[in-house]
Protein backbone atom coordinates (compact mmCIF):
# COMPACT_ATOMS: atom_id res chain seq x y z
CA MET A 1 -18.65 22.42 -19.70
CA SER A 2 -14.71 22.87 -20.02
CA LEU A 3 -12.18 21.83 -17.66
CA PRO A 4 -9.42 23.58 -16.22
CA THR A 5 -6.46 21.87 -18.21
CA SER A 6 -4.14 22.74 -15.35
CA MET A 7 -5.80 20.31 -12.92
CA TYR A 8 -5.77 17.38 -15.38
CA TYR A 9 -3.59 15.13 -17.80
CA THR A 10 -5.02 14.14 -20.99
CA THR A 11 -5.19 10.63 -22.43
CA LYS A 12 -2.47 11.39 -24.94
CA GLU A 13 0.13 12.92 -22.01
CA VAL A 14 -0.44 10.03 -19.90
CA ALA A 15 0.06 7.20 -22.74
CA ALA A 16 3.61 9.26 -23.27
CA MET A 17 4.29 9.09 -19.61
CA GLU A 18 4.02 5.47 -19.84
CA GLY A 19 5.68 4.83 -23.05
CA VAL A 20 2.53 3.11 -24.97
CA THR A 21 -0.11 4.50 -27.27
CA PRO A 22 -3.05 5.87 -25.65
CA GLY A 23 -4.92 3.10 -27.19
CA TYR A 24 -3.35 0.72 -24.97
CA LEU A 25 -3.80 2.67 -22.13
CA LEU A 26 -7.22 2.81 -22.44
CA GLU A 27 -7.42 -1.16 -22.61
CA GLN A 28 -4.53 -1.36 -19.89
CA VAL A 29 -7.63 0.95 -17.64
CA SER A 30 -10.52 -1.22 -18.99
CA GLN A 31 -8.55 -4.16 -17.96
CA GLY A 32 -8.13 -3.12 -14.36
CA LYS A 33 -4.43 -2.45 -14.66
CA PHE A 34 -3.84 1.45 -14.22
CA ILE A 35 -5.85 3.88 -12.64
CA PRO A 36 -8.60 5.10 -13.98
CA PRO A 37 -9.41 8.44 -15.32
CA ALA A 38 -11.39 11.04 -13.20
CA HIS A 39 -13.13 12.39 -16.35
CA TYR A 40 -14.23 10.24 -19.39
CA GLY A 41 -15.36 11.63 -22.63
CA LYS A 42 -13.46 13.20 -25.42
CA PRO A 43 -11.37 13.55 -24.28
CA ASN A 44 -10.67 11.40 -20.76
CA ARG A 45 -8.60 13.43 -18.33
CA TRP A 46 -6.75 11.99 -15.53
CA LEU A 47 -6.41 14.70 -12.27
CA LYS A 48 -2.60 15.15 -12.22
CA SER A 49 -2.23 14.66 -8.68
CA SER A 50 -3.78 11.45 -9.18
CA ILE A 51 -1.25 10.52 -11.68
CA ASP A 52 1.70 12.11 -9.50
CA ASN A 53 0.77 10.45 -6.53
CA TYR A 54 0.61 7.04 -8.54
CA TYR A 55 4.68 7.77 -10.09
CA ALA A 56 5.25 9.01 -6.31
CA GLU A 57 4.15 5.10 -4.96
CA LEU A 58 5.78 3.60 -8.07
CA ASN A 59 9.18 5.26 -6.48
CA ALA A 60 8.85 4.60 -3.01
CA GLN A 61 8.05 0.83 -3.82
CA ALA A 62 11.58 0.91 -5.95
CA SER A 63 13.32 2.49 -3.53
CA ARG A 64 12.19 0.02 -0.92
CA LEU A 65 13.15 -2.66 -2.72
CA SER A 66 16.04 -1.48 -4.00
CA ALA A 67 17.18 -1.15 -0.23
């Protein structure tokens, strides 16, 4: 079964957004320090909406703290 790529980010894409290596990202997931992928496998996939919401919440927190 193939997943529609327009709905998902790959491990490599999410790692690039975070500025880390894919291996480090997966380590953070295993330690509960980053949101887990929606689909485990080769490759892991994160829902774009989940990642977009994650960054939107971080931006909102940053705005509240800087106000």
